[in-house]
N, C-alpha and C. Protein backbone atom coordinates (compact mmCIF):
# COMPACT_ATOMS: atom_id res chain seq x y z
N MET A 1 97.30 94.16 98.59
CA MET A 1 97.90 93.50 99.74
C MET A 1 97.10 93.83 101.00
N SER A 2 96.67 92.85 101.69
CA SER A 2 95.86 93.00 102.88
C SER A 2 96.74 93.25 104.10
N ILE A 3 96.24 94.06 105.03
CA ILE A 3 97.01 94.30 106.24
C ILE A 3 96.64 93.25 107.28
N THR A 4 97.52 93.05 108.23
CA THR A 4 97.32 92.02 109.25
C THR A 4 96.41 92.54 110.36
N ILE A 5 95.91 91.62 111.15
CA ILE A 5 95.08 91.98 112.31
C ILE A 5 95.90 92.85 113.27
N GLU A 6 97.16 92.53 113.44
CA GLU A 6 98.01 93.33 114.34
C GLU A 6 98.16 94.75 113.81
N GLU A 7 98.27 94.90 112.50
CA GLU A 7 98.36 96.25 111.91
C GLU A 7 97.04 97.01 112.11
N LEU A 8 95.92 96.30 112.04
CA LEU A 8 94.64 96.94 112.32
C LEU A 8 94.59 97.42 113.77
N LYS A 9 95.09 96.59 114.68
CA LYS A 9 95.11 96.98 116.09
C LYS A 9 95.99 98.21 116.29
N GLN A 10 97.15 98.24 115.65
CA GLN A 10 98.04 99.40 115.77
C GLN A 10 97.37 100.65 115.20
N HIS A 11 96.64 100.47 114.11
CA HIS A 11 95.91 101.60 113.53
C HIS A 11 94.85 102.12 114.51
N LEU A 12 94.13 101.21 115.16
CA LEU A 12 93.12 101.60 116.14
C LEU A 12 93.76 102.32 117.33
N LEU A 13 94.90 101.83 117.79
CA LEU A 13 95.60 102.49 118.90
C LEU A 13 96.04 103.90 118.52
N ALA A 14 96.55 104.05 117.31
CA ALA A 14 96.96 105.38 116.83
C ALA A 14 95.74 106.30 116.70
N GLU A 15 94.64 105.76 116.20
CA GLU A 15 93.42 106.55 116.05
C GLU A 15 92.88 106.96 117.41
N LYS A 16 92.95 106.06 118.38
CA LYS A 16 92.51 106.39 119.74
C LYS A 16 93.33 107.56 120.28
N GLU A 17 94.63 107.52 120.11
CA GLU A 17 95.50 108.59 120.59
C GLU A 17 95.17 109.91 119.91
N ARG A 18 94.96 109.87 118.59
CA ARG A 18 94.63 111.08 117.84
C ARG A 18 93.31 111.67 118.33
N LEU A 19 92.32 110.81 118.53
CA LEU A 19 91.01 111.28 118.97
C LEU A 19 91.07 111.83 120.39
N LEU A 20 91.83 111.19 121.27
CA LEU A 20 91.98 111.70 122.63
C LEU A 20 92.57 113.11 122.61
N GLN A 21 93.59 113.30 121.78
CA GLN A 21 94.19 114.63 121.67
C GLN A 21 93.20 115.63 121.10
N GLN A 22 92.46 115.22 120.08
CA GLN A 22 91.49 116.11 119.43
C GLN A 22 90.40 116.52 120.41
N VAL A 23 89.87 115.55 121.14
CA VAL A 23 88.79 115.84 122.09
C VAL A 23 89.30 116.74 123.22
N SER A 24 90.50 116.47 123.70
CA SER A 24 91.02 117.30 124.80
C SER A 24 91.35 118.71 124.31
N LYS A 25 91.75 118.87 123.04
CA LYS A 25 92.01 120.20 122.48
C LYS A 25 90.73 121.00 122.38
N MET A 26 89.65 120.32 122.03
CA MET A 26 88.37 121.01 121.88
C MET A 26 87.82 121.44 123.22
N GLY A 27 88.16 120.71 124.26
CA GLY A 27 87.66 121.05 125.58
C GLY A 27 86.15 120.94 125.63
N ASP A 28 85.57 121.57 126.61
CA ASP A 28 84.12 121.59 126.72
C ASP A 28 83.59 122.76 125.94
N VAL A 29 83.00 122.46 124.81
CA VAL A 29 82.43 123.49 123.96
C VAL A 29 81.04 123.80 124.48
N GLU A 30 80.78 125.05 124.70
CA GLU A 30 79.48 125.46 125.20
C GLU A 30 78.91 126.54 124.30
N TYR A 31 77.60 126.63 124.34
CA TYR A 31 76.95 127.73 123.64
C TYR A 31 77.09 128.99 124.48
N HIS A 32 77.38 130.08 123.81
CA HIS A 32 77.40 131.38 124.48
C HIS A 32 76.17 132.12 124.00
N SER A 33 75.63 132.92 124.87
CA SER A 33 74.43 133.63 124.44
C SER A 33 74.79 134.61 123.35
N SER A 34 73.96 134.60 122.34
CA SER A 34 74.17 135.53 121.25
C SER A 34 72.97 136.48 121.23
N GLY A 35 73.00 137.37 120.30
CA GLY A 35 71.91 138.32 120.23
C GLY A 35 72.30 139.69 120.73
N TYR A 36 73.55 139.83 121.12
CA TYR A 36 74.00 141.11 121.65
C TYR A 36 74.91 141.84 120.68
N GLY A 37 75.08 141.27 119.49
CA GLY A 37 75.95 141.90 118.50
C GLY A 37 75.25 143.05 117.81
N ASN A 38 76.00 143.72 116.96
CA ASN A 38 75.45 144.85 116.23
C ASN A 38 74.59 144.41 115.07
N HIS A 39 74.83 143.20 114.55
CA HIS A 39 74.12 142.75 113.37
C HIS A 39 73.56 141.35 113.59
N MET A 40 72.34 141.16 113.10
CA MET A 40 71.71 139.85 113.23
C MET A 40 72.53 138.78 112.50
N ALA A 41 73.13 139.14 111.37
CA ALA A 41 73.93 138.18 110.61
C ALA A 41 75.14 137.73 111.41
N ASP A 42 75.75 138.64 112.16
CA ASP A 42 76.90 138.26 113.00
C ASP A 42 76.46 137.28 114.08
N ASP A 43 75.30 137.53 114.67
CA ASP A 43 74.78 136.64 115.70
C ASP A 43 74.49 135.25 115.12
N ALA A 44 73.90 135.22 113.93
CA ALA A 44 73.59 133.95 113.29
C ALA A 44 74.86 133.18 112.97
N THR A 45 75.88 133.87 112.49
CA THR A 45 77.15 133.22 112.18
C THR A 45 77.78 132.65 113.44
N GLU A 46 77.75 133.41 114.52
CA GLU A 46 78.33 132.94 115.79
C GLU A 46 77.56 131.72 116.30
N THR A 47 76.26 131.75 116.22
CA THR A 47 75.44 130.62 116.67
C THR A 47 75.73 129.39 115.82
N PHE A 48 75.85 129.57 114.50
CA PHE A 48 76.16 128.46 113.60
C PHE A 48 77.52 127.86 113.95
N GLU A 49 78.52 128.69 114.17
CA GLU A 49 79.87 128.20 114.49
C GLU A 49 79.87 127.43 115.80
N GLN A 50 79.13 127.92 116.78
CA GLN A 50 79.05 127.21 118.07
C GLN A 50 78.39 125.85 117.89
N ALA A 51 77.31 125.81 117.12
CA ALA A 51 76.62 124.54 116.88
C ALA A 51 77.53 123.57 116.14
N LYS A 52 78.30 124.08 115.20
CA LYS A 52 79.22 123.24 114.43
C LYS A 52 80.30 122.66 115.35
N GLU A 53 80.84 123.46 116.26
CA GLU A 53 81.87 122.99 117.20
C GLU A 53 81.32 121.90 118.11
N VAL A 54 80.10 122.10 118.61
CA VAL A 54 79.48 121.11 119.48
C VAL A 54 79.27 119.80 118.71
N SER A 55 78.80 119.90 117.49
CA SER A 55 78.56 118.72 116.66
C SER A 55 79.86 117.98 116.35
N LEU A 56 80.90 118.71 116.01
CA LEU A 56 82.20 118.08 115.72
C LEU A 56 82.73 117.36 116.95
N ARG A 57 82.63 117.99 118.10
CA ARG A 57 83.13 117.38 119.33
C ARG A 57 82.33 116.11 119.62
N ARG A 58 81.01 116.19 119.47
CA ARG A 58 80.17 115.02 119.72
C ARG A 58 80.56 113.87 118.79
N ASN A 59 80.80 114.18 117.52
CA ASN A 59 81.20 113.14 116.56
C ASN A 59 82.54 112.52 116.95
N GLU A 60 83.48 113.34 117.39
CA GLU A 60 84.79 112.82 117.81
C GLU A 60 84.64 111.90 119.02
N VAL A 61 83.79 112.28 119.96
CA VAL A 61 83.57 111.46 121.16
C VAL A 61 82.95 110.12 120.79
N VAL A 62 81.97 110.13 119.89
CA VAL A 62 81.32 108.89 119.45
C VAL A 62 82.33 107.99 118.74
N LEU A 63 83.15 108.57 117.87
CA LEU A 63 84.16 107.79 117.16
C LEU A 63 85.18 107.21 118.15
N LEU A 64 85.57 107.99 119.14
CA LEU A 64 86.49 107.50 120.17
C LEU A 64 85.88 106.31 120.90
N GLU A 65 84.60 106.38 121.23
CA GLU A 65 83.94 105.25 121.89
C GLU A 65 83.94 104.02 121.01
N GLN A 66 83.72 104.19 119.71
CA GLN A 66 83.71 103.05 118.79
C GLN A 66 85.10 102.42 118.69
N VAL A 67 86.13 103.25 118.66
CA VAL A 67 87.51 102.75 118.60
C VAL A 67 87.84 101.99 119.89
N GLU A 68 87.45 102.54 121.03
CA GLU A 68 87.72 101.87 122.31
C GLU A 68 86.99 100.53 122.39
N GLN A 69 85.76 100.48 121.88
CA GLN A 69 85.01 99.22 121.87
C GLN A 69 85.70 98.19 120.97
N ALA A 70 86.25 98.63 119.84
CA ALA A 70 86.97 97.72 118.95
C ALA A 70 88.20 97.16 119.66
N LEU A 71 88.90 98.01 120.39
CA LEU A 71 90.08 97.55 121.13
C LEU A 71 89.68 96.56 122.23
N GLN A 72 88.52 96.77 122.84
CA GLN A 72 88.03 95.81 123.84
C GLN A 72 87.73 94.47 123.18
N ARG A 73 87.20 94.50 121.95
CA ARG A 73 86.93 93.26 121.24
C ARG A 73 88.23 92.50 120.96
N PHE A 74 89.32 93.25 120.71
CA PHE A 74 90.64 92.61 120.56
C PHE A 74 90.99 91.87 121.83
N GLU A 75 90.83 92.55 122.96
CA GLU A 75 91.19 91.95 124.25
C GLU A 75 90.33 90.72 124.55
N GLN A 76 89.08 90.74 124.11
CA GLN A 76 88.17 89.63 124.36
C GLN A 76 88.32 88.51 123.34
N GLY A 77 89.13 88.76 122.30
CA GLY A 77 89.35 87.75 121.28
C GLY A 77 88.23 87.62 120.26
N VAL A 78 87.38 88.65 120.16
CA VAL A 78 86.25 88.58 119.23
C VAL A 78 86.32 89.68 118.17
N TYR A 79 87.48 90.33 118.03
CA TYR A 79 87.61 91.36 117.01
C TYR A 79 87.47 90.72 115.62
N GLY A 80 86.70 91.39 114.75
CA GLY A 80 86.53 90.89 113.39
C GLY A 80 85.40 89.89 113.25
N ILE A 81 84.64 89.69 114.33
CA ILE A 81 83.49 88.78 114.30
C ILE A 81 82.23 89.64 114.39
N CYS A 82 81.31 89.43 113.49
CA CYS A 82 80.06 90.19 113.46
C CYS A 82 79.29 89.99 114.76
N GLU A 83 78.91 91.09 115.40
CA GLU A 83 78.15 91.01 116.65
C GLU A 83 76.72 90.54 116.43
N SER A 84 76.25 90.60 115.19
CA SER A 84 74.88 90.22 114.91
C SER A 84 74.75 88.75 114.53
N CYS A 85 75.54 88.30 113.55
CA CYS A 85 75.38 86.93 113.05
C CYS A 85 76.53 86.00 113.44
N GLY A 86 77.64 86.55 113.93
CA GLY A 86 78.76 85.71 114.35
C GLY A 86 79.72 85.32 113.25
N ALA A 87 79.46 85.79 112.03
CA ALA A 87 80.34 85.48 110.90
C ALA A 87 81.55 86.42 110.91
N PRO A 88 82.66 85.99 110.31
CA PRO A 88 83.81 86.89 110.22
C PRO A 88 83.47 88.12 109.36
N ILE A 89 83.96 89.27 109.81
CA ILE A 89 83.78 90.50 109.04
C ILE A 89 84.87 90.51 107.96
N ASP A 90 84.49 90.80 106.74
CA ASP A 90 85.43 90.83 105.62
C ASP A 90 86.61 91.74 105.93
N ARG A 91 87.81 91.28 105.59
CA ARG A 91 89.03 92.03 105.88
C ARG A 91 89.01 93.41 105.22
N ALA A 92 88.50 93.50 104.00
CA ALA A 92 88.44 94.80 103.31
C ALA A 92 87.57 95.78 104.10
N ARG A 93 86.49 95.29 104.69
CA ARG A 93 85.63 96.16 105.51
C ARG A 93 86.38 96.63 106.75
N LEU A 94 87.12 95.74 107.38
CA LEU A 94 87.89 96.12 108.56
C LEU A 94 89.00 97.10 108.22
N GLU A 95 89.57 96.96 107.04
CA GLU A 95 90.61 97.91 106.62
C GLU A 95 90.00 99.29 106.41
N ALA A 96 88.78 99.33 105.86
CA ALA A 96 88.12 100.61 105.62
C ALA A 96 87.55 101.20 106.90
N ILE A 97 86.97 100.35 107.74
CA ILE A 97 86.35 100.79 109.00
C ILE A 97 86.82 99.84 110.10
N PRO A 98 87.99 100.08 110.67
CA PRO A 98 88.56 99.12 111.63
C PRO A 98 87.74 98.93 112.90
N TYR A 99 86.81 99.83 113.18
CA TYR A 99 85.97 99.69 114.36
C TYR A 99 84.60 99.08 114.02
N ALA A 100 84.46 98.53 112.81
CA ALA A 100 83.20 97.92 112.38
C ALA A 100 82.79 96.81 113.35
N ARG A 101 81.51 96.79 113.70
CA ARG A 101 80.99 95.79 114.63
C ARG A 101 80.21 94.70 113.93
N CYS A 102 79.77 94.98 112.70
CA CYS A 102 78.93 94.03 111.97
C CYS A 102 79.49 93.80 110.57
N CYS A 103 79.17 92.63 110.02
CA CYS A 103 79.52 92.37 108.63
C CYS A 103 78.66 93.27 107.75
N LEU A 104 79.01 93.34 106.49
CA LEU A 104 78.31 94.24 105.58
C LEU A 104 76.83 93.89 105.44
N ASP A 105 76.50 92.60 105.37
CA ASP A 105 75.10 92.20 105.25
C ASP A 105 74.28 92.65 106.46
N CYS A 106 74.79 92.39 107.66
CA CYS A 106 74.06 92.78 108.87
C CYS A 106 73.98 94.29 109.01
N GLN A 107 75.05 95.00 108.67
CA GLN A 107 75.04 96.45 108.75
C GLN A 107 74.01 97.03 107.77
N SER A 108 73.92 96.45 106.58
CA SER A 108 72.92 96.89 105.60
C SER A 108 71.52 96.69 106.14
N ARG A 109 71.30 95.57 106.80
CA ARG A 109 69.99 95.29 107.40
C ARG A 109 69.65 96.31 108.48
N VAL A 110 70.64 96.63 109.31
CA VAL A 110 70.44 97.62 110.39
C VAL A 110 70.09 98.98 109.79
N GLU A 111 70.80 99.38 108.75
CA GLU A 111 70.58 100.68 108.15
C GLU A 111 69.24 100.77 107.43
N ARG A 112 68.74 99.64 106.95
CA ARG A 112 67.43 99.61 106.30
C ARG A 112 66.31 99.54 107.32
N GLY A 113 66.69 99.35 108.58
CA GLY A 113 65.68 99.27 109.64
C GLY A 113 65.12 97.89 109.84
N GLY A 114 65.86 96.89 109.38
CA GLY A 114 65.35 95.52 109.48
C GLY A 114 66.06 94.72 110.43
């Protein structure tokens, strides 16, 4: 059973809210200087954890931007239309990735570098 466009929009709105909360909880993650611990392994672990937090936050921010862009496409009346070729994006693709901007063929071309 396929979900409706309105259900996709509600899913995007819920995802936007979740991401906003997640990003605000993470706050501004910064690197702290390491190298002052008793063990090099402790310093390496701390540096790794800081890098992981920064990467996770960056990913959440990028995903939030993609969700917001999808919601803008709803407002513009072009949600579900491939930005590359203008064809409708398959409903199954939108259900899996509701912020998808391209149909599967065009996305494959982009990922192959073509």
